[in-house]
Protein backbone atom coordinates (compact mmCIF):
# COMPACT_ATOMS: atom_id res chain seq x y z
CA MET A 1 21.57 -36.43 4.59
CA LEU A 2 18.31 -34.48 4.29
CA THR A 3 15.47 -35.55 6.56
CA LYS A 4 11.89 -35.72 5.33
CA SER A 5 11.07 -32.39 7.00
CA SER A 6 14.10 -30.60 5.53
CA THR A 7 13.34 -32.02 2.08
CA GLU A 8 9.79 -30.70 2.38
CA LEU A 9 11.12 -27.28 3.43
CA VAL A 10 13.36 -27.14 0.35
CA ARG A 11 10.39 -28.12 -1.83
CA GLN A 12 8.29 -25.32 -0.32
CA GLN A 13 11.08 -22.76 -0.81
CA ASN A 14 11.60 -23.80 -4.43
CA SER A 15 7.85 -23.70 -5.11
CA ALA A 16 7.63 -20.22 -3.58
CA LEU A 17 10.58 -19.12 -5.72
CA VAL A 18 8.89 -20.31 -8.91
CA LEU A 19 5.60 -18.62 -7.96
CA ALA A 20 7.41 -15.38 -7.07
CA THR A 21 9.21 -15.41 -10.43
CA LEU A 22 5.94 -15.88 -12.33
CA ARG A 23 4.39 -13.12 -10.21
CA ARG A 24 7.22 -10.71 -11.02
CA LEU A 25 7.81 -11.50 -14.69
CA GLY A 26 4.50 -12.95 -15.96
CA PRO A 27 4.08 -16.14 -18.06
CA LEU A 28 7.39 -17.95 -18.61
CA SER A 29 8.64 -21.06 -20.34
CA HIS A 30 10.31 -23.93 -18.50
CA THR A 31 13.73 -22.71 -19.70
CA ASP A 32 13.04 -19.11 -18.61
CA ILE A 33 11.93 -20.24 -15.14
CA SER A 34 15.13 -22.20 -14.74
CA ALA A 35 17.24 -19.25 -15.91
CA HIS A 36 15.57 -16.68 -13.64
CA THR A 37 15.43 -18.88 -10.51
CA GLY A 38 18.74 -20.71 -10.89
CA LEU A 39 16.93 -24.02 -10.29
CA ALA A 40 17.94 -27.11 -12.22
CA SER A 41 15.75 -28.11 -15.17
CA ALA A 42 14.67 -31.33 -13.44
CA THR A 43 13.68 -29.38 -10.31
CA VAL A 44 11.61 -26.91 -12.36
CA SER A 45 9.90 -29.83 -14.10
CA ALA A 46 8.97 -31.42 -10.78
CA ILE A 47 7.74 -28.15 -9.26
CA THR A 48 5.66 -27.03 -12.26
CA ALA A 49 4.11 -30.51 -12.55
CA GLU A 50 3.21 -30.42 -8.87
CA LEU A 51 1.76 -26.89 -9.05
CA GLU A 52 -0.28 -27.91 -12.08
CA ARG A 53 -1.69 -30.92 -10.23
CA VAL A 54 -2.87 -28.77 -7.33
CA GLU A 55 -4.35 -26.29 -9.84
CA VAL A 56 -2.17 -23.32 -8.89
CA ILE A 57 -0.60 -22.77 -12.31
CA GLU A 58 -1.53 -23.75 -15.85
CA LYS A 59 0.28 -23.87 -19.16
CA ALA A 60 -0.69 -22.50 -22.54
CA GLU A 61 0.90 -22.60 -25.97
CA GLN A 62 2.23 -19.42 -27.57
CA GLN A 63 2.62 -19.49 -31.34
CA PRO A 64 5.91 -18.11 -32.74
CA HIS A 65 5.66 -14.57 -34.11
CA SER A 66 6.86 -15.84 -37.47
CA GLY A 67 4.06 -18.39 -37.59
CA ARG A 68 6.62 -21.16 -38.11
CA GLY A 69 8.07 -23.72 -35.75
CA ARG A 70 6.78 -25.32 -32.62
CA PRO A 71 4.72 -23.25 -30.17
CA ARG A 72 6.29 -22.25 -26.84
CA VAL A 73 4.71 -23.64 -23.69
CA LEU A 74 4.31 -20.93 -21.04
CA PHE A 75 3.40 -21.35 -17.38
CA ALA A 76 1.23 -18.78 -15.58
CA GLN A 77 -0.97 -18.49 -12.50
CA ARG A 78 -4.33 -20.17 -12.77
CA ARG A 79 -6.77 -17.30 -12.35
CA ASP A 80 -9.40 -19.22 -10.35
CA SER A 81 -6.88 -20.76 -7.95
CA GLY A 82 -7.90 -18.22 -5.31
CA PHE A 83 -9.19 -14.68 -4.92
CA LEU A 84 -8.18 -11.52 -3.08
CA ILE A 85 -10.41 -8.76 -1.72
CA ALA A 86 -8.66 -5.38 -1.35
CA VAL A 87 -10.41 -2.71 0.74
CA ARG A 88 -9.31 0.93 0.85
CA ILE A 89 -10.82 2.96 3.71
CA SER A 90 -10.40 6.69 3.12
CA SER A 91 -11.88 9.83 4.63
CA ASP A 92 -14.70 10.06 2.10
CA VAL A 93 -15.22 6.58 0.56
CA VAL A 94 -14.63 2.87 1.13
CA GLN A 95 -13.52 1.04 -1.99
CA TYR A 96 -13.94 -2.74 -2.42
CA SER A 97 -11.99 -4.60 -5.15
CA LEU A 98 -12.11 -8.28 -6.11
CA VAL A 99 -8.96 -9.69 -7.75
CA ASP A 100 -8.16 -13.15 -9.09
CA TYR A 101 -4.95 -15.08 -8.38
CA SER A 102 -3.24 -13.69 -11.49
CA GLY A 103 -3.71 -10.14 -10.19
CA ARG A 104 -6.50 -9.23 -12.59
CA LEU A 105 -9.27 -6.92 -11.32
CA ILE A 106 -12.66 -8.64 -11.57
CA ASP A 107 -15.04 -6.25 -9.83
CA ARG A 108 -14.98 -3.00 -7.87
CA PHE A 109 -17.39 -0.62 -6.22
CA GLU A 110 -17.19 2.33 -3.83
CA GLU A 111 -19.47 3.43 -1.02
CA PRO A 112 -19.44 6.99 0.33
CA ARG A 113 -18.77 7.33 4.03
CA ASN A 114 -21.52 8.86 6.14
CA HIS A 115 -19.69 11.42 8.29
CA LYS A 116 -22.67 11.69 10.61
CA ILE A 117 -22.15 8.04 11.57
CA ALA A 118 -18.70 7.81 13.12
CA GLY A 119 -19.09 4.65 15.20
CA THR A 120 -17.15 1.50 14.37
CA MET A 121 -20.16 -0.79 14.93
CA ASP A 122 -22.19 0.75 12.10
CA PHE A 123 -19.10 0.69 9.89
CA ALA A 124 -18.42 -2.98 10.72
CA ASN A 125 -21.96 -4.02 9.75
CA GLY A 126 -21.72 -2.17 6.44
CA PHE A 127 -18.23 -3.59 5.85
CA LEU A 128 -19.36 -7.21 6.24
CA GLU A 129 -22.41 -6.63 4.05
CA ALA A 130 -20.24 -5.09 1.31
CA LEU A 131 -17.79 -8.04 1.33
CA THR A 132 -20.67 -10.48 0.89
CA ARG A 133 -22.19 -8.39 -1.88
CA LEU A 134 -18.82 -8.25 -3.68
CA ILE A 135 -18.42 -12.03 -3.92
CA ASP A 136 -22.13 -12.58 -4.64
CA ARG A 137 -21.84 -10.33 -7.70
CA SER A 138 -19.20 -12.73 -9.10
CA ARG A 139 -20.96 -15.87 -7.85
CA LEU A 140 -18.08 -16.86 -5.59
CA ASP A 141 -18.10 -18.66 -2.28
CA ARG A 142 -16.33 -17.27 0.79
CA ALA A 143 -14.01 -20.29 0.82
CA GLN A 144 -12.59 -19.22 -2.57
CA VAL A 145 -11.33 -15.95 -1.09
CA LEU A 146 -7.83 -16.63 0.25
CA ALA A 147 -6.96 -13.12 1.43
CA VAL A 148 -8.62 -9.89 2.53
CA SER A 149 -6.20 -6.94 2.44
CA ILE A 150 -7.37 -3.72 4.13
CA SER A 151 -5.75 -0.28 4.15
CA SER A 152 -6.44 2.90 6.08
CA LYS A 153 -4.64 6.03 7.16
CA GLY A 154 -3.65 5.82 10.81
CA THR A 155 -1.77 3.57 13.21
CA VAL A 156 -1.85 -0.19 12.72
CA ASP A 157 -0.68 -2.65 15.39
CA ALA A 158 2.51 -4.64 14.77
CA ASP A 159 0.56 -7.81 13.94
CA GLY A 160 -1.40 -6.10 11.16
CA LYS A 161 -4.76 -7.01 12.69
CA ARG A 162 -6.07 -3.95 14.53
CA LEU A 163 -6.52 -0.32 13.58
CA LEU A 164 -5.36 1.44 16.75
CA TRP A 165 -6.05 5.05 15.73
CA SER A 166 -7.23 6.62 12.51
CA PRO A 167 -8.52 9.97 11.25
CA VAL A 168 -11.70 8.12 10.24
CA PHE A 169 -12.56 6.51 13.60
CA GLY A 170 -10.32 8.37 16.04
CA GLY A 171 -9.43 6.23 19.05
CA GLU A 172 -12.14 3.63 18.40
CA GLN A 173 -10.20 0.49 17.53
CA ILE A 174 -11.23 -2.19 15.03
CA ASP A 175 -9.91 -5.75 15.12
CA PHE A 176 -10.52 -6.85 11.54
CA VAL A 177 -9.41 -10.44 12.12
CA SER A 178 -11.96 -10.93 14.90
CA LEU A 179 -14.58 -9.16 12.79
CA LEU A 180 -14.24 -11.55 9.85
CA GLN A 181 -13.48 -14.85 11.54
CA PRO A 182 -14.69 -17.57 11.73
CA ALA A 183 -17.20 -16.82 8.93
CA TRP A 184 -14.33 -15.95 6.57
CA ARG A 185 -11.37 -18.34 6.40
CA ALA A 186 -9.29 -15.88 4.37
CA LYS A 187 -6.03 -14.47 5.71
CA VAL A 188 -6.82 -10.93 6.91
CA THR A 189 -4.16 -8.22 6.84
CA LEU A 190 -4.31 -4.51 7.64
CA ASN A 191 -1.77 -1.96 6.40
CA ASN A 192 -1.25 1.76 6.66
CA GLU A 193 -2.29 3.28 3.33
CA THR A 194 0.93 5.19 2.69
CA LEU A 195 2.96 2.07 3.45
CA LEU A 196 1.27 0.48 0.42
CA VAL A 197 2.15 3.53 -1.70
CA ALA A 198 5.81 3.16 -0.70
CA GLN A 199 5.57 -0.59 -1.39
CA ALA A 200 4.37 0.00 -4.95
CA LEU A 201 6.94 2.72 -5.64
CA GLY A 202 9.74 0.62 -4.12
CA MET A 203 8.86 -2.45 -6.20
CA LYS A 204 8.77 -0.34 -9.37
CA ALA A 205 12.06 1.43 -8.60
CA ASP A 206 13.78 -1.84 -7.74
CA ALA A 207 12.64 -3.39 -11.03
CA ASN A 208 13.76 -0.37 -13.08
CA GLN A 209 17.14 0.38 -11.47
CA ASP A 210 18.95 -2.93 -12.07
CA GLY A 211 19.89 -3.49 -8.44
CA SER A 212 20.97 0.11 -7.70
CA PHE A 213 17.83 1.03 -5.75
CA ARG A 214 18.47 1.81 -2.08
CA ALA A 215 15.58 3.81 -0.58
CA LEU A 216 12.69 6.22 -1.20
CA ALA A 217 9.98 7.98 0.78
CA ALA A 218 6.34 8.57 -0.14
CA LEU A 219 4.64 11.58 1.46
CA SER A 220 0.83 11.60 1.19
CA LEU A 221 -0.93 14.96 1.47
CA GLY A 222 -4.63 15.36 2.15
CA HIS A 223 -7.12 15.29 5.01
CA SER A 224 -4.33 13.59 6.95
CA ILE A 225 -0.56 13.38 6.39
CA GLY A 226 1.11 10.00 5.87
CA LEU A 227 4.64 8.78 5.20
CA GLY A 228 5.92 5.47 3.86
CA ILE A 229 9.58 4.46 3.50
CA ALA A 230 10.83 1.66 1.23
CA ARG A 231 14.44 0.53 1.72
CA LYS A 232 16.63 -2.41 0.81
CA ASP A 233 17.79 -4.28 3.91
CA ARG A 234 21.26 -5.80 4.27
CA PHE A 235 20.05 -8.99 2.57
CA GLY A 236 18.78 -7.07 -0.46
CA GLU A 237 15.11 -7.54 0.45
CA LEU A 238 12.60 -4.69 0.24
CA GLU A 239 11.64 -3.42 3.71
CA VAL A 240 8.68 -1.03 3.95
CA THR A 241 7.63 0.95 7.02
CA ALA A 242 5.19 3.75 7.84
CA PRO A 243 6.50 6.05 10.59
CA ASN A 244 3.86 8.15 12.33
CA PHE A 245 5.05 11.25 10.44
CA GLY A 246 1.83 13.25 10.53
CA HIS A 247 1.84 13.19 14.32
CA MET A 248 5.49 14.07 14.81
CA LEU A 249 5.91 17.27 16.77
CA HIS A 250 6.30 20.33 14.56
CA ALA A 251 5.80 23.16 17.06
CA ALA A 252 5.54 22.88 20.84
CA ASN A 253 2.12 24.08 22.06
CA GLY A 254 1.09 24.59 18.44
CA CYS A 255 -2.23 23.95 16.71
CA LEU A 256 -4.67 21.34 18.00
CA CYS A 257 -4.50 18.08 16.03
CA ARG A 258 -7.28 15.55 15.45
CA CYS A 259 -5.31 13.08 17.59
CA GLY A 260 -5.81 15.39 20.60
CA SER A 261 -2.20 16.61 20.82
CA PHE A 262 -0.93 20.10 20.06
CA GLY A 263 1.71 20.95 17.47
CA CYS A 264 1.62 17.87 15.17
CA ILE A 265 2.73 18.28 11.55
CA GLU A 266 -0.79 17.32 10.42
CA ALA A 267 -2.34 20.06 12.54
CA SER A 268 -0.65 22.60 10.25
CA ALA A 269 -0.37 20.67 6.96
CA GLY A 270 -3.57 18.60 6.79
CA PHE A 271 -6.54 20.07 4.96
CA TYR A 272 -8.23 21.03 8.22
CA GLY A 273 -5.05 22.79 9.38
CA ILE A 274 -4.82 24.84 6.17
CA LEU A 275 -8.52 25.72 6.46
CA ARG A 276 -8.09 26.85 10.06
CA THR A 277 -5.10 29.07 9.26
CA ALA A 278 -6.67 30.55 6.11
CA PHE A 279 -9.76 31.69 8.01
CA GLU A 280 -7.73 32.82 11.07
CA VAL A 281 -9.57 30.42 13.37
CA PRO A 282 -7.99 30.10 16.86
CA PRO A 283 -5.36 27.29 16.80
CA ASP A 284 -7.02 25.41 19.66
CA THR A 285 -10.33 25.12 17.76
CA ILE A 286 -11.50 21.50 17.42
CA PRO A 287 -10.49 20.41 13.90
CA ALA A 288 -13.09 19.75 11.20
CA LYS A 289 -13.67 16.02 10.70
CA PHE A 290 -13.74 16.38 6.93
CA VAL A 291 -12.92 19.20 4.51
CA PRO A 292 -14.42 18.79 1.00
CA LEU A 293 -12.03 19.24 -1.91
CA ALA A 294 -14.33 21.95 -3.24
CA GLU A 295 -13.63 24.00 -0.12
CA MET A 296 -9.87 23.46 -0.46
CA ASP A 297 -10.06 24.46 -4.12
CA LYS A 298 -11.66 27.79 -3.11
CA ILE A 299 -8.84 28.51 -0.64
CA ALA A 300 -6.24 27.56 -3.28
CA THR A 301 -7.86 29.80 -5.88
CA SER A 302 -7.87 32.66 -3.39
CA ALA A 303 -4.16 32.06 -2.64
CA ARG A 304 -3.27 32.03 -6.32
CA GLN A 305 -5.14 35.32 -6.75
CA GLY A 306 -2.98 36.92 -4.08
CA ASN A 307 -5.06 36.58 -0.88
CA ARG A 308 -2.55 37.04 1.91
CA MET A 309 -3.99 34.65 4.54
CA ALA A 310 -4.77 31.89 2.06
CA GLY A 311 -1.21 32.03 0.71
CA TYR A 312 0.17 32.16 4.26
CA ALA A 313 -1.82 29.04 5.21
CA PHE A 314 -0.27 27.00 2.40
CA ARG A 315 3.19 28.35 3.13
CA GLN A 316 2.93 27.41 6.83
CA ALA A 317 1.73 23.95 5.83
CA GLY A 318 4.75 23.61 3.54
CA ILE A 319 7.15 24.67 6.29
CA ALA A 320 5.70 22.00 8.62
CA LEU A 321 6.18 19.37 5.91
CA GLY A 322 9.69 20.57 5.07
CA ASN A 323 10.75 20.55 8.74
CA GLY A 324 9.46 16.99 9.07
CA LEU A 325 11.27 15.85 5.93
CA SER A 326 14.50 17.46 7.13
CA ARG A 327 14.33 15.28 10.27
CA LEU A 328 13.68 12.24 8.12
CA LEU A 329 16.80 12.94 6.04
CA SER A 330 18.85 13.42 9.21
CA LEU A 331 17.84 9.99 10.52
CA TYR A 332 17.93 8.00 7.27
CA ASP A 333 20.19 7.93 4.24
CA ARG A 334 19.50 10.51 1.57
CA MET A 335 16.57 9.39 -0.60
CA PRO A 336 14.16 10.74 -3.21
CA ILE A 337 10.77 11.98 -1.99
CA TYR A 338 7.54 11.23 -3.87
CA ILE A 339 4.57 13.48 -3.10
CA THR A 340 1.17 11.80 -3.51
CA GLY A 341 -2.44 12.21 -2.41
CA PRO A 342 -5.21 14.74 -3.12
CA GLY A 343 -3.00 17.52 -1.76
CA THR A 344 -0.73 17.29 -4.81
CA ARG A 345 -3.13 19.66 -6.60
CA TYR A 346 -1.88 22.40 -4.25
CA PHE A 347 1.82 21.58 -4.31
CA ASP A 348 2.60 24.77 -6.26
CA LEU A 349 1.36 26.66 -3.19
CA LEU A 350 3.13 24.38 -0.70
CA GLN A 351 6.51 24.16 -2.43
CA ARG A 352 7.94 27.47 -1.23
CA GLY A 353 7.26 26.52 2.39
CA VAL A 354 8.59 22.96 1.87
CA ASP A 355 11.86 24.40 0.58
CA GLU A 356 12.06 26.81 3.53
CA GLY A 357 11.50 23.97 5.98
CA LEU A 358 14.11 21.77 4.33
CA GLU A 359 16.71 24.55 4.22
CA GLN A 360 16.54 24.89 8.01
CA SER A 361 18.25 21.48 8.25
CA HIS A 362 22.04 21.23 8.57
CA GLU A 363 21.92 17.96 6.59
CA VAL A 364 20.13 19.59 3.65
CA ARG A 365 22.46 22.59 3.67
CA LEU A 366 25.42 20.20 3.41
CA GLN A 367 24.01 17.64 0.99
CA GLY A 368 21.55 19.73 -0.98
CA ARG A 369 17.80 19.46 -1.47
CA PRO A 370 16.54 15.91 -2.07
CA GLU A 371 14.91 15.00 -5.37
CA ILE A 372 11.17 15.67 -5.03
CA SER A 373 8.62 14.31 -7.53
CA VAL A 374 4.83 14.62 -7.62
CA ILE A 375 2.71 11.58 -8.48
CA VAL A 376 -0.98 12.32 -8.92
CA ASP A 377 -2.54 8.82 -9.08
CA GLU A 378 -2.23 7.71 -5.46
CA GLN A 379 -5.22 5.36 -5.66
CA ARG A 380 -3.48 3.23 -8.28
CA LEU A 381 -0.36 3.02 -6.10
CA ILE A 382 -2.41 1.91 -3.10
CA PHE A 383 -4.07 -0.80 -5.19
CA ASP A 384 -0.70 -1.96 -6.57
CA GLY A 385 0.64 -2.08 -3.01
CA HIS A 386 -2.28 -4.29 -1.99
CA LEU A 387 -1.50 -6.64 -4.88
CA ASP A 388 2.26 -6.76 -4.22
CA ARG A 389 1.92 -7.65 -0.54
CA ALA A 390 -1.24 -9.77 -0.49
CA LEU A 391 -0.57 -11.88 -3.60
CA THR A 392 3.03 -12.51 -2.50
CA ASP A 393 1.69 -13.74 0.85
CA MET A 394 -0.80 -15.94 -1.01
CA ASP A 395 2.03 -17.46 -3.05
CA HIS A 396 3.98 -18.32 0.11
CA ASP A 397 0.91 -19.77 1.85
CA ILE A 398 0.02 -21.87 -1.20
CA ALA A 399 3.58 -23.20 -1.45
CA ALA A 400 3.58 -24.08 2.24
CA PHE A 401 0.08 -25.34 2.94
CA ARG A 402 -1.86 -26.36 -0.17
CA PRO A 403 -2.14 -30.19 0.05
CA LEU A 404 -0.99 -32.37 -2.80
CA PRO A 405 -3.60 -34.59 -4.44
CA PRO A 406 -3.27 -38.38 -4.11
CA GLY A 407 -0.86 -39.89 -6.62
CA PRO A 408 1.93 -42.41 -6.96
CA ASP A 409 4.49 -40.03 -5.42
CA HIS A 410 2.12 -38.59 -2.78
CA PRO A 411 0.03 -41.32 -1.13
């Protein structure tokens, strides 16, 4: 016999299942929800009625395409049920996006980063002011924002609250939860940027491959080097991680990295590493904090025109990346690699070195080169990753914690 607490747990799980199905497939009829979730028709009726009462979902009529017959009643998320703020912190800009509960973008703006001001305190003040400005522009109250999802390159603590190290702030840590609370009641999460890229690619691959998807890796090239891995766990759930690939050792006593170590992959393959090699700067020179794309374009043009050192710089960067990927393939199952980030515009110059680095691996020589694809629009993937993770968390929190209004069945 089910106790009251176990009955409530089942109700929460079923509500979360319905919300997840609507999130994945869009507006659905009562019959479609039952078919996709496996829940009984009576259970779906009870759950949808409850979610309507607490103003989480709403229904609308869809006229038949033929114009004849009764309209279909479809259930969908209620857009004003809650709001998400997604923040992308990159080397050159900070982007702020406001999204409604249905996943629709409402507002967005970007602010350039001032590289002369590196301190976290100045950034924190500007960050809080930008969040307030974002909701003021849409005439929202802070209490209507249910989640703030933040991404950055770098190392994030296991709890997803603090940025431990980043190419933007170095070793200066930021605790975003402490920064926003108690003024903001929203759930605050922090993710590595390339983890969100892998999240978006993994969700898309899983939806398109009819259950055959197993794993993929996303390699982000740019001012820093990031890696995200999306895999199915033994229960069939998507598991996404972001190993500290850019700071794996490539060459002992090699080039100086921004993290302070010598020989990291990023020290050879990041934009500042390519710049240093192209201009034959001593390898222990303190790395540039930021390399404009215009400067990288000049080096790439020179390499394509036959300049020996410029071409050598890209080839060495490719070898560092290929060596790192060969280790990845030795530790994990074979998987396709997706190249993203601003560095994709130079992949024609990097590819020879990447292949050389991969071919030095026994695993690659036995199994062959992995499938490598280039995806240019990394910003869209990061945004989609924010939506996938943050809105799914919102669905679970709403199913578990949103109180039911008074009624005959809920005194």
